[in-house]
Amino acid sequence: MSNLSALQSSSDFLSTSTIIALTIFFSLLCACIIIGHLLEENRWANESITALLLGLCAGAVLLLVSKGSSSRILVFSEDLFFLYLLPPIIFNAGFQVKKKQFFKNFTIILMFGIFGTVISFCLITLGAFLLFRRIGVTSLSSQDYLAVGAILSATDSVCTLQVLNQDETPFLYSVIFGEGVVNDATSIVLFNSVQSIDFNNIDAIMSLKLLGTFLYLFFSSTILGIVAGLLSAFIIKTLYFGRHSTDREVALMMIMAYLSYMLAELLNLSGILTVFFCGIVMSHYTWHNVTESSRITTKHAFATISFIAETFIFLYVGMDALDIEKWKASSASAGTSVAVSSTLFALVLVGRAAFVYPLANLINCITKQDSSKIEFRQQFTMWWAGLMRGAVTIALSYNQFSNSEDTDTEDSALMITSTIIVVLFSTVVFGSITKPLIKAMLLRHSKPNISDVTDIPSLEDLRMLLIENGEPGDLAGENQQAAAPRRSSLRLLMTHPTWTVHYLWRKFDDRFMRPVFGGRGFVPFVPGSPTGSAAETSGT
């Protein structure tokens, strides 16, 4: 009996309700994966929408079973989302992204992700300030209006992964997803800046301070991610050379990636940017330093963890959306709730269009090659696919309005519920239509794929650049080489920036980086492995 009582007391910390909640939740996760697989070829559905709708259905069932008292299984937690679910998704996106396509469009990504987010932030803030009072929402402060602008400027980069395919539409995938990562980081920086503003002492210097803070966070976060990725590459290349262990290699890559995110958050930087660039650097250097078995394991392990986290998030959001307590706290009429939600969604539409089309046409005016210009069909798809809002928006909304002391409780609850409506509507409607839209507008009118060789502006520019660097680039002879006008690297950089930077980076990478950090071409010797067997055979 004493042993039985001791066993019972040792398991008291395992709450029965928690076990039941987790059992139901993981059963729903399994159902999401199975249903998502069955609907894989369906043009209107994807895993994110399936998980969201299944979460809504589960919440409705729980609401009926509890007779309207509660629909909660798990409470939405900002820490759970930002510290455990988001990092593996963003890291895997950086790890799997096609780097050449991403950096080729890096200027567009930064323009959309930074300037576009700021434009959207200003328009949504101004629109909310002018329209909300007419609807009847009067208790919001200036800080709340600015926070609304930052909250609804955050696009859903997670859902973008579900509706876009980087093999079918590499340009759109790299631009929209890359913009989403930078956009999330920019929105969070703007949101945190809003929290720290002293509205009693606002002057012109304040805007300069905000700009300086943003630039500091952006570059510091990026550098931290790069340093973490390079450190992992150097450690694995140096310490495990000749005696690789798959378990240790995979564990070290996972832990150092997550550590980079935690360090960024600890230093009040952007963990999203840090872990994204850490993933890019790890795929460029670290992944090539490990054994064949580790490469296969990491590729599938990172993708699997990311997939589970994505499904978890949408299921989580769907179930939390029917939390009856939030809806009861808002005593606003159905008309007021619909009016606020419609206003927020209209501001999202206008704010997105206000920067996508002007910036895209500005880029077209600067771009000389017609093949590199952004067509109107692509502009429309970029506007459409960026309208989805997700868990980042909900998390920031909870942060601002759930514990707001200056805002009326009813208006705070109204803002949370209206944000949830915008997220659900944008994800289900725009997420389901984006795939058919891309197939109808882009894939049917797609141009044949152009090889990387034709990405070079001209063979003459290639020849001149090789001459400038003292390399044998002229096949016609030394006399013509001497007579040819030499072009400075600065002029080539101004005329063909993307290709010139890529060329100079490759030279720098081959000469200085790869000898130290490994990367493509580094083959670890492991006795008994395919590379080890090949090395032993060649040695004999």
Protein backbone atom coordinates (compact mmCIF):
# COMPACT_ATOMS: atom_id res chain seq x y z
CA MET A 1 0.00 0.00 0.00
CA SER A 2 2.80 2.39 0.88
CA ASN A 3 4.42 1.79 -2.50
CA LEU A 4 1.10 2.45 -4.23
CA SER A 5 0.56 5.71 -2.35
CA ALA A 6 4.14 6.76 -3.12
CA LEU A 7 3.54 6.04 -6.82
CA GLN A 8 0.34 8.09 -6.74
CA SER A 9 2.04 11.01 -5.00
CA SER A 10 4.91 10.96 -7.51
CA SER A 11 2.45 11.28 -10.39
CA ASP A 12 0.35 14.03 -8.83
CA PHE A 13 2.19 16.64 -10.89
CA LEU A 14 0.67 15.07 -14.06
CA SER A 15 -2.67 16.83 -14.29
CA THR A 16 -5.39 14.65 -15.78
CA SER A 17 -6.90 17.61 -17.63
CA THR A 18 -3.51 18.43 -19.17
CA ILE A 19 -3.03 14.83 -20.33
CA ILE A 20 -6.52 14.77 -21.86
CA ALA A 21 -5.93 18.11 -23.58
CA LEU A 22 -2.61 17.00 -25.05
CA THR A 23 -4.07 13.66 -26.14
CA ILE A 24 -6.90 15.42 -28.00
CA PHE A 25 -4.52 17.96 -29.48
CA PHE A 26 -2.02 15.42 -30.81
CA SER A 27 -4.87 13.30 -32.15
CA LEU A 28 -6.00 16.35 -34.07
CA LEU A 29 -2.44 16.84 -35.32
CA CYS A 30 -2.46 13.30 -36.69
CA ALA A 31 -5.83 13.94 -38.32
CA CYS A 32 -4.45 17.14 -39.92
CA ILE A 33 -1.51 15.25 -41.40
CA ILE A 34 -3.73 12.47 -42.77
CA ILE A 35 -6.35 14.84 -44.20
CA GLY A 36 -3.62 17.08 -45.62
CA HIS A 37 -2.11 14.08 -47.39
CA LEU A 38 -5.47 13.09 -48.86
CA LEU A 39 -6.04 16.66 -50.07
CA GLU A 40 -2.49 17.16 -51.32
CA GLU A 41 -3.54 17.34 -54.98
CA ASN A 42 -6.55 19.52 -54.25
CA ARG A 43 -6.05 22.96 -55.77
CA TRP A 44 -8.13 24.74 -53.12
CA ALA A 45 -6.81 23.16 -49.91
CA ASN A 46 -3.49 22.95 -48.08
CA GLU A 47 -2.27 21.84 -44.65
CA SER A 48 -2.60 25.29 -43.08
CA ILE A 49 -6.25 25.72 -44.04
CA THR A 50 -7.00 22.09 -43.09
CA ALA A 51 -5.46 22.59 -39.63
CA LEU A 52 -7.23 25.91 -39.14
CA LEU A 53 -10.65 24.54 -40.07
CA LEU A 54 -10.10 21.38 -38.02
CA GLY A 55 -9.16 23.54 -35.04
CA LEU A 56 -12.34 25.58 -35.49
CA CYS A 57 -14.43 22.41 -35.68
CA ALA A 58 -12.77 20.97 -32.56
CA GLY A 59 -13.36 24.23 -30.70
CA ALA A 60 -17.01 24.22 -31.75
CA VAL A 61 -17.44 20.62 -30.57
CA LEU A 62 -15.87 21.42 -27.20
CA LEU A 63 -18.11 24.47 -26.93
CA LEU A 64 -21.18 22.29 -27.46
CA VAL A 65 -19.97 19.57 -25.08
CA SER A 66 -19.29 22.10 -22.32
CA LYS A 67 -22.65 23.77 -23.04
CA GLY A 68 -21.05 27.08 -23.97
CA SER A 69 -18.88 27.40 -20.88
CA SER A 70 -15.46 26.85 -22.45
CA SER A 71 -13.76 25.78 -25.67
CA ARG A 72 -10.19 25.82 -24.42
CA ILE A 73 -7.83 22.88 -24.68
CA LEU A 74 -4.63 24.88 -24.72
CA VAL A 75 -4.44 28.61 -24.00
CA PHE A 76 -2.68 30.73 -26.66
CA SER A 77 0.74 31.60 -25.31
CA GLU A 78 3.13 34.12 -26.84
CA ASP A 79 6.10 32.29 -25.31
CA LEU A 80 5.04 28.98 -26.86
CA PHE A 81 4.66 30.60 -30.25
CA PHE A 82 7.75 32.82 -30.36
CA LEU A 83 10.17 30.58 -28.44
CA TYR A 84 9.26 27.06 -29.57
CA LEU A 85 7.11 27.01 -32.72
CA LEU A 86 8.36 29.89 -34.89
CA PRO A 87 12.17 29.31 -34.72
CA PRO A 88 12.23 25.86 -36.44
CA ILE A 89 9.93 27.12 -39.21
CA ILE A 90 12.03 30.19 -40.03
CA PHE A 91 15.30 28.25 -39.69
CA ASN A 92 14.17 25.52 -42.07
CA ALA A 93 13.00 28.14 -44.56
CA GLY A 94 16.47 29.70 -44.54
CA PHE A 95 18.09 26.27 -44.66
CA GLN A 96 16.03 25.11 -47.66
CA VAL A 97 15.76 28.40 -49.58
CA LYS A 98 17.45 28.66 -52.96
CA LYS A 99 20.19 31.09 -52.05
CA LYS A 100 21.03 32.29 -55.53
CA GLN A 101 17.41 33.20 -56.26
CA PHE A 102 17.02 34.80 -52.82
CA PHE A 103 20.07 37.05 -53.04
CA LYS A 104 19.40 37.83 -56.68
CA ASN A 105 16.15 39.45 -55.50
CA PHE A 106 17.58 40.75 -52.23
CA THR A 107 17.10 44.41 -53.18
CA ILE A 108 13.41 43.82 -53.92
CA ILE A 109 13.01 41.84 -50.69
CA LEU A 110 14.52 44.64 -48.60
CA MET A 111 12.44 47.33 -50.34
CA PHE A 112 9.21 45.41 -49.79
CA GLY A 113 10.12 44.10 -46.34
CA ILE A 114 11.33 47.41 -44.88
CA PHE A 115 9.95 50.37 -46.84
CA GLY A 116 6.75 48.52 -47.74
CA THR A 117 6.09 47.58 -44.13
CA VAL A 118 6.66 51.17 -42.99
CA ILE A 119 4.24 52.48 -45.66
CA SER A 120 1.63 49.89 -44.65
CA PHE A 121 2.19 50.73 -40.97
CA CYS A 122 1.59 54.45 -41.56
CA LEU A 123 -1.54 53.97 -43.67
CA ILE A 124 -3.16 51.42 -41.33
CA THR A 125 -2.41 53.61 -38.31
CA LEU A 126 -3.83 56.71 -39.98
CA GLY A 127 -6.88 54.87 -41.29
CA ALA A 128 -7.65 53.32 -37.89
CA PHE A 129 -7.31 56.73 -36.20
CA LEU A 130 -9.72 58.39 -38.66
CA LEU A 131 -12.33 55.63 -38.92
CA PHE A 132 -12.58 53.91 -35.55
CA ARG A 133 -14.14 56.88 -33.76
CA ARG A 134 -16.91 56.99 -36.36
CA ILE A 135 -17.66 53.33 -35.71
CA GLY A 136 -17.88 53.88 -31.96
CA VAL A 137 -14.46 52.71 -30.71
CA THR A 138 -13.40 55.73 -28.66
CA SER A 139 -11.16 54.50 -25.84
CA LEU A 140 -8.05 53.63 -27.88
CA SER A 141 -4.96 55.69 -27.15
CA SER A 142 -2.36 56.97 -29.64
CA GLN A 143 -0.15 54.06 -28.65
CA ASP A 144 -2.97 51.63 -29.43
CA TYR A 145 -3.47 53.09 -32.91
CA LEU A 146 0.26 52.81 -33.65
CA ALA A 147 0.23 49.26 -32.30
CA VAL A 148 -2.69 48.36 -34.59
CA GLY A 149 -0.62 49.59 -37.55
CA ALA A 150 2.33 47.42 -36.53
CA ILE A 151 0.15 44.39 -35.73
CA LEU A 152 -1.67 44.33 -39.07
CA SER A 153 1.47 45.08 -41.08
CA ALA A 154 2.85 41.65 -40.16
CA THR A 155 2.22 39.21 -43.01
CA ASP A 156 2.00 35.45 -42.53
CA SER A 157 5.29 34.01 -43.81
CA VAL A 158 4.29 30.57 -42.48
CA CYS A 159 1.21 30.31 -44.71
CA THR A 160 3.29 31.55 -47.66
CA LEU A 161 5.33 28.36 -47.42
CA GLN A 162 2.13 26.36 -47.86
CA VAL A 163 0.64 28.16 -50.86
CA LEU A 164 3.78 28.90 -52.90
CA ASN A 165 6.21 26.48 -54.51
CA GLN A 166 9.79 27.59 -55.05
CA ASP A 167 10.23 25.12 -57.92
CA GLU A 168 7.17 26.33 -59.87
CA THR A 169 7.46 30.04 -59.07
CA PRO A 170 11.01 30.65 -57.77
CA PHE A 171 10.88 34.43 -58.20
CA LEU A 172 7.57 34.85 -56.37
CA TYR A 173 8.55 32.40 -53.64
CA SER A 174 11.87 34.10 -52.90
CA VAL A 175 10.40 37.62 -52.98
CA ILE A 176 7.16 36.98 -51.06
CA PHE A 177 8.67 34.68 -48.46
CA GLY A 178 11.84 36.77 -48.10
CA GLU A 179 9.71 39.86 -47.72
CA GLY A 180 7.61 38.00 -45.14
CA VAL A 181 10.64 37.23 -42.98
CA VAL A 182 11.95 40.81 -43.15
CA ASN A 183 8.39 42.10 -42.74
CA ASP A 184 7.81 40.10 -39.55
CA ALA A 185 11.08 41.36 -38.12
CA THR A 186 10.25 44.95 -39.13
CA SER A 187 6.73 44.73 -37.69
CA ILE A 188 8.01 43.38 -34.38
CA VAL A 189 10.67 46.12 -34.24
CA LEU A 190 8.00 48.75 -34.95
CA PHE A 191 5.72 47.20 -32.33
CA ASN A 192 8.45 47.20 -29.69
CA SER A 193 9.40 50.76 -30.63
CA VAL A 194 5.79 51.86 -30.16
CA GLN A 195 5.84 50.41 -26.64
CA SER A 196 8.91 52.46 -25.74
CA ILE A 197 7.76 55.82 -27.15
CA ASP A 198 7.20 58.61 -24.66
CA PHE A 199 4.17 60.35 -26.18
CA ASN A 200 4.69 63.37 -23.95
CA ASN A 201 8.01 64.19 -25.60
CA ILE A 202 7.62 63.55 -29.31
CA ASP A 203 9.89 65.51 -31.66
CA ALA A 204 11.82 65.13 -34.92
CA ILE A 205 14.70 63.46 -33.13
CA MET A 206 12.38 60.64 -32.09
CA SER A 207 11.93 59.49 -35.71
CA LEU A 208 15.70 59.49 -36.21
CA LYS A 209 16.11 57.42 -33.07
CA LEU A 210 13.54 54.93 -34.35
CA LEU A 211 15.39 54.70 -37.67
CA GLY A 212 18.70 54.20 -35.90
CA THR A 213 17.17 51.55 -33.64
CA PHE A 214 15.77 49.67 -36.62
CA LEU A 215 19.05 49.74 -38.56
CA TYR A 216 20.92 48.57 -35.48
CA LEU A 217 18.51 45.68 -34.88
CA PHE A 218 18.48 44.65 -38.55
CA PHE A 219 22.23 44.53 -39.06
CA SER A 220 23.04 43.22 -35.57
CA SER A 221 20.53 40.38 -35.92
CA THR A 222 21.81 39.47 -39.38
CA ILE A 223 25.45 39.50 -38.25
CA LEU A 224 24.64 37.35 -35.20
CA GLY A 225 22.95 34.75 -37.42
CA ILE A 226 25.91 34.71 -39.82
CA VAL A 227 28.40 34.38 -36.96
CA ALA A 228 26.41 31.50 -35.41
CA GLY A 229 26.30 29.67 -38.75
CA LEU A 230 30.02 30.18 -39.40
CA LEU A 231 30.88 29.06 -35.86
CA SER A 232 28.95 25.81 -36.33
CA ALA A 233 30.72 25.21 -39.65
CA PHE A 234 34.15 25.85 -38.11
CA ILE A 235 33.50 23.63 -35.08
CA ILE A 236 32.26 20.67 -37.14
CA LYS A 237 35.03 21.05 -39.72
CA THR A 238 37.75 21.32 -37.08
CA LEU A 239 36.72 19.10 -34.19
CA TYR A 240 34.99 16.25 -36.01
CA PHE A 241 37.33 15.94 -38.96
CA GLY A 242 38.04 12.23 -39.58
CA ARG A 243 35.83 10.99 -36.77
CA HIS A 244 32.34 12.21 -37.61
CA SER A 245 29.32 11.18 -35.61
CA THR A 246 25.88 11.65 -37.13
CA ASP A 247 24.21 12.08 -33.74
CA ARG A 248 26.65 14.75 -32.59
CA GLU A 249 26.63 16.61 -35.90
CA VAL A 250 22.84 16.78 -36.13
CA ALA A 251 22.50 17.70 -32.45
CA LEU A 252 25.13 20.43 -32.74
CA MET A 253 23.46 21.98 -35.80
CA MET A 254 20.03 21.98 -34.14
CA ILE A 255 21.26 23.37 -30.83
CA MET A 256 23.44 26.10 -32.34
CA ALA A 257 20.60 27.22 -34.62
CA TYR A 258 18.22 27.45 -31.67
CA LEU A 259 20.93 29.06 -29.55
CA SER A 260 21.31 31.84 -32.12
CA TYR A 261 17.58 32.61 -31.79
CA MET A 262 17.75 32.61 -27.98
CA LEU A 263 20.82 34.88 -27.97
CA ALA A 264 19.07 37.32 -30.28
CA GLU A 265 16.04 37.45 -27.99
CA LEU A 266 18.29 37.76 -24.95
CA LEU A 267 20.04 40.75 -26.55
CA ASN A 268 16.69 42.27 -27.61
CA LEU A 269 17.44 41.71 -31.28
CA SER A 270 15.28 40.10 -33.96
CA GLY A 271 15.41 36.34 -33.47
CA ILE A 272 13.54 35.83 -36.76
CA LEU A 273 16.27 37.48 -38.83
CA THR A 274 19.02 35.82 -36.81
CA VAL A 275 17.79 32.24 -37.19
CA PHE A 276 16.87 32.80 -40.87
CA PHE A 277 20.38 33.91 -41.84
CA CYS A 278 21.84 31.23 -39.57
CA GLY A 279 19.93 28.68 -41.66
CA ILE A 280 21.28 30.16 -44.90
CA VAL A 281 24.88 30.09 -43.67
CA MET A 282 24.53 26.56 -42.28
CA SER A 283 23.21 25.29 -45.60
CA HIS A 284 26.11 26.97 -47.42
CA TYR A 285 28.95 25.79 -45.15
CA THR A 286 28.01 23.51 -42.25
CA TRP A 287 25.82 21.11 -44.24
CA HIS A 288 28.71 20.33 -46.60
CA ASN A 289 31.06 19.59 -43.68
CA VAL A 290 29.06 16.68 -42.30
CA THR A 291 28.82 13.09 -43.49
CA GLU A 292 26.36 11.80 -46.09
CA SER A 293 24.13 10.28 -43.43
CA SER A 294 24.10 13.55 -41.48
CA ARG A 295 23.17 15.51 -44.60
CA ILE A 296 20.18 13.27 -45.27
CA THR A 297 19.19 13.28 -41.59
CA THR A 298 19.39 17.07 -41.15
CA LYS A 299 17.50 17.80 -44.35
CA HIS A 300 14.56 15.60 -43.38
CA ALA A 301 14.71 16.34 -39.64
CA PHE A 302 14.55 20.11 -40.10
CA ALA A 303 11.74 19.79 -42.65
CA THR A 304 9.76 17.45 -40.39
CA ILE A 305 10.08 19.64 -37.29
CA SER A 306 9.10 22.69 -39.34
CA PHE A 307 6.08 20.88 -40.81
CA ILE A 308 4.83 19.78 -37.37
CA ALA A 309 5.31 23.30 -35.97
CA GLU A 310 3.39 24.85 -38.90
CA THR A 311 0.48 22.44 -38.45
CA PHE A 312 0.57 22.98 -34.68
CA ILE A 313 0.33 26.77 -35.10
CA PHE A 314 -2.71 26.74 -37.37
CA LEU A 315 -4.50 24.12 -35.28
CA TYR A 316 -3.64 26.16 -32.19
CA VAL A 317 -5.00 29.40 -33.73
CA GLY A 318 -8.18 27.69 -34.96
CA MET A 319 -9.03 26.25 -31.56
CA ASP A 320 -8.19 29.45 -29.69
CA ALA A 321 -10.35 31.53 -32.03
CA LEU A 322 -13.50 30.12 -30.38
CA ASP A 323 -12.42 30.98 -26.83
CA ILE A 324 -15.80 32.06 -25.53
CA GLU A 325 -14.35 34.27 -22.79
CA LYS A 326 -12.84 36.71 -25.29
CA TRP A 327 -16.11 37.01 -27.18
CA LYS A 328 -18.10 37.51 -23.97
CA ALA A 329 -15.71 40.24 -22.81
CA SER A 330 -16.57 42.24 -25.92
CA SER A 331 -20.09 43.57 -25.47
CA ALA A 332 -20.08 45.19 -28.91
CA SER A 333 -22.96 44.40 -31.21
CA ALA A 334 -22.51 42.12 -34.21
CA GLY A 335 -22.74 45.17 -36.49
CA THR A 336 -19.92 46.96 -34.64
CA SER A 337 -17.75 43.83 -34.66
CA VAL A 338 -18.28 43.36 -38.41
CA ALA A 339 -17.63 47.07 -39.03
CA VAL A 340 -14.32 47.03 -37.10
CA SER A 341 -13.16 43.78 -38.75
CA SER A 342 -14.12 45.05 -42.22
CA THR A 343 -12.31 48.33 -41.59
CA LEU A 344 -9.16 46.54 -40.48
CA PHE A 345 -9.26 44.23 -43.47
CA ALA A 346 -9.86 47.12 -45.89
CA LEU A 347 -6.88 48.94 -44.41
CA VAL A 348 -4.76 45.80 -44.91
CA LEU A 349 -5.81 45.70 -48.59
CA VAL A 350 -5.05 49.38 -49.15
CA GLY A 351 -1.83 49.32 -47.14
CA ARG A 352 -0.52 46.37 -49.16
CA ALA A 353 -1.47 47.88 -52.53
CA ALA A 354 0.04 51.25 -51.55
CA PHE A 355 3.56 49.86 -51.64
CA VAL A 356 3.48 46.76 -53.88
CA TYR A 357 2.51 48.51 -57.10
CA PRO A 358 4.55 51.74 -56.66
CA LEU A 359 7.71 49.94 -55.53
CA ALA A 360 7.38 47.26 -58.24
CA ASN A 361 7.02 49.92 -60.94
CA LEU A 362 9.92 51.87 -59.46
CA ILE A 363 12.05 48.73 -59.73
CA ASN A 364 10.87 48.28 -63.33
CA CYS A 365 11.97 51.84 -64.15
CA ILE A 366 15.44 51.15 -62.75
CA THR A 367 15.77 47.71 -64.37
CA LYS A 368 17.14 47.80 -67.92
CA GLN A 369 16.41 44.23 -69.01
CA ASP A 370 12.81 43.52 -69.94
CA SER A 371 13.14 39.90 -68.78
CA SER A 372 13.95 41.08 -65.26
CA LYS A 373 10.98 43.42 -64.91
CA ILE A 374 8.05 42.52 -62.70
CA GLU A 375 4.96 41.94 -64.82
CA PHE A 376 1.54 43.15 -63.71
CA ARG A 377 0.39 39.54 -63.17
CA GLN A 378 3.31 39.02 -60.80
CA GLN A 379 2.58 42.31 -59.03
CA PHE A 380 -1.02 41.28 -58.48
CA THR A 381 0.02 37.88 -57.14
CA MET A 382 2.55 39.54 -54.80
CA TRP A 383 -0.19 41.83 -53.50
CA TRP A 384 -2.67 38.97 -53.11
CA ALA A 385 -0.34 36.43 -51.44
CA GLY A 386 0.85 39.04 -48.93
CA LEU A 387 -2.65 39.73 -47.60
CA MET A 388 -2.69 36.70 -45.31
CA ARG A 389 -2.28 37.38 -41.61
CA GLY A 390 -1.32 34.70 -39.09
CA ALA A 391 -0.12 33.83 -35.63
CA VAL A 392 2.36 36.74 -35.40
CA THR A 393 -0.58 39.14 -35.79
CA ILE A 394 -2.60 37.34 -33.09
CA ALA A 395 0.38 37.14 -30.72
CA LEU A 396 1.10 40.88 -31.02
CA SER A 397 -2.60 41.66 -30.59
CA TYR A 398 -2.69 39.65 -27.35
CA ASN A 399 0.43 41.43 -26.16
CA GLN A 400 -1.06 44.87 -26.75
CA PHE A 401 -4.68 44.46 -25.71
CA SER A 402 -4.93 41.56 -23.25
CA ASN A 403 -3.24 43.47 -20.42
CA SER A 404 -3.93 47.03 -21.53
CA GLU A 405 -4.61 49.30 -18.55
CA ASP A 406 -5.33 52.51 -20.49
CA THR A 407 -7.83 50.97 -22.93
CA ASP A 408 -11.39 50.03 -22.01
CA THR A 409 -11.71 46.28 -21.43
CA GLU A 410 -14.57 45.95 -23.90
CA ASP A 411 -12.69 47.77 -26.66
CA SER A 412 -9.57 45.69 -25.95
CA ALA A 413 -11.58 42.48 -26.30
CA LEU A 414 -13.18 43.89 -29.47
CA MET A 415 -9.74 44.53 -31.00
CA ILE A 416 -8.59 40.98 -30.18
CA THR A 417 -11.70 39.34 -31.62
CA SER A 418 -11.62 41.59 -34.71
CA THR A 419 -7.98 40.66 -35.29
CA ILE A 420 -8.89 36.97 -35.04
CA ILE A 421 -11.65 37.46 -37.63
CA VAL A 422 -9.19 39.15 -40.01
CA VAL A 423 -6.68 36.31 -39.55
CA LEU A 424 -9.25 33.56 -40.11
CA PHE A 425 -10.83 35.24 -43.13
CA SER A 426 -7.54 36.15 -44.82
CA THR A 427 -6.00 32.72 -44.25
CA VAL A 428 -9.00 30.68 -45.42
CA VAL A 429 -10.07 32.89 -48.33
CA PHE A 430 -6.76 34.15 -49.69
CA GLY A 431 -4.88 30.98 -48.74
CA SER A 432 -7.31 28.78 -50.64
CA ILE A 433 -7.48 30.99 -53.74
CA THR A 434 -3.74 31.71 -54.09
CA LYS A 435 -2.83 28.33 -55.61
CA PRO A 436 -5.50 28.42 -58.35
CA LEU A 437 -4.70 32.09 -58.92
CA ILE A 438 -1.03 31.33 -59.55
CA LYS A 439 -1.86 28.51 -61.93
CA ALA A 440 -4.39 30.63 -63.81
CA MET A 441 -2.37 33.85 -64.04
CA LEU A 442 1.25 32.75 -64.05
CA LEU A 443 1.89 29.10 -64.87
CA ARG A 444 -0.33 29.08 -67.96
CA HIS A 445 1.47 32.16 -69.28
CA SER A 446 4.89 31.28 -67.92
CA LYS A 447 7.96 31.82 -69.99
CA PRO A 448 10.46 28.99 -70.56
CA ASN A 449 13.07 28.67 -67.86
CA ILE A 450 16.24 30.59 -68.58
CA SER A 451 19.53 29.04 -67.65
CA ASP A 452 21.88 30.74 -65.25
CA VAL A 453 24.28 31.55 -68.07
CA THR A 454 21.79 33.96 -69.60
CA ASP A 455 21.48 35.76 -66.28
CA ILE A 456 24.87 37.32 -67.05
CA PRO A 457 24.20 40.75 -68.62
CA SER A 458 26.54 40.13 -71.55
CA LEU A 459 29.64 38.17 -72.40
CA GLU A 460 31.48 41.46 -72.92
CA ASP A 461 30.86 42.46 -69.32
CA LEU A 462 32.08 39.05 -68.17
CA ARG A 463 35.21 39.41 -70.28
CA MET A 464 35.89 42.90 -69.03
CA LEU A 465 35.47 41.86 -65.42
CA LEU A 466 37.87 38.97 -65.89
CA ILE A 467 40.39 41.29 -67.56
CA GLU A 468 40.06 43.75 -64.71
CA ASN A 469 40.92 41.00 -62.24
CA GLY A 470 43.90 39.83 -64.27
CA GLU A 471 42.40 36.52 -65.37
CA PRO A 472 42.48 34.90 -68.85
CA GLY A 473 39.09 36.04 -70.06
CA ASP A 474 39.84 37.11 -73.65
CA LEU A 475 39.93 34.29 -76.15
CA ALA A 476 40.93 36.57 -79.04
CA GLY A 477 44.50 37.21 -77.93
CA GLU A 478 46.61 39.51 -75.81
CA ASN A 479 46.65 42.37 -78.33
CA GLN A 480 42.91 42.77 -78.29
CA GLN A 481 43.00 42.35 -74.53
CA ALA A 482 45.37 45.27 -74.18
CA ALA A 483 43.32 47.41 -76.57
CA ALA A 484 40.03 46.70 -74.83
CA PRO A 485 38.89 49.45 -72.48
CA ARG A 486 39.18 48.34 -68.86
CA ARG A 487 36.14 48.80 -66.69
CA SER A 488 36.45 49.41 -62.98
CA SER A 489 34.68 47.16 -60.53
CA LEU A 490 32.75 50.22 -59.34
CA ARG A 491 31.36 50.85 -62.84
CA LEU A 492 30.40 47.21 -63.24
CA LEU A 493 28.81 47.32 -59.82
CA MET A 494 26.72 50.31 -60.83
CA THR A 495 25.66 48.90 -64.22
CA HIS A 496 25.13 45.25 -63.23
CA PRO A 497 25.03 45.16 -59.42
CA THR A 498 23.44 41.76 -58.84
CA TRP A 499 25.72 39.72 -61.05
CA THR A 500 28.87 41.69 -60.15
CA VAL A 501 28.30 41.25 -56.41
CA HIS A 502 27.61 37.53 -56.95
CA TYR A 503 30.79 37.12 -59.00
CA LEU A 504 32.98 39.00 -56.51
CA TRP A 505 31.40 37.10 -53.61
CA ARG A 506 32.15 33.76 -55.25
CA LYS A 507 35.79 34.75 -55.69
CA PHE A 508 36.03 35.90 -52.06
CA ASP A 509 34.21 32.78 -50.86
CA ASP A 510 36.49 30.39 -52.76
CA ARG A 511 39.67 32.17 -51.76
CA PHE A 512 39.10 33.03 -48.11
CA MET A 513 35.93 31.54 -46.61
CA ARG A 514 35.82 27.91 -47.76
CA PRO A 515 39.41 27.07 -46.76
CA VAL A 516 38.48 28.07 -43.18
CA PHE A 517 34.80 27.12 -42.87
CA GLY A 518 34.48 24.32 -45.41
CA GLY A 519 31.41 24.19 -47.61
CA ARG A 520 30.88 22.80 -51.09
CA GLY A 521 33.88 20.71 -52.07
CA PHE A 522 34.84 19.77 -48.51
CA VAL A 523 34.56 15.98 -48.20
CA PRO A 524 34.97 14.57 -44.68
CA PHE A 525 36.94 11.33 -44.57
CA VAL A 526 35.00 8.67 -42.71
CA PRO A 527 36.23 5.05 -42.79
CA GLY A 528 33.50 2.78 -44.11
CA SER A 529 31.45 5.60 -45.67
CA PRO A 530 31.13 6.06 -49.45
CA THR A 531 33.63 8.92 -49.36
CA GLY A 532 35.96 6.98 -47.12
CA SER A 533 35.82 3.90 -49.34
CA ALA A 534 36.50 6.01 -52.40
CA ALA A 535 39.47 7.66 -50.70
CA GLU A 536 40.92 4.31 -49.60
CA THR A 537 40.51 2.90 -53.11
CA SER A 538 42.20 5.89 -54.71
CA GLY A 539 45.00 5.71 -52.14
CA THR A 540 45.82 2.12 -53.06
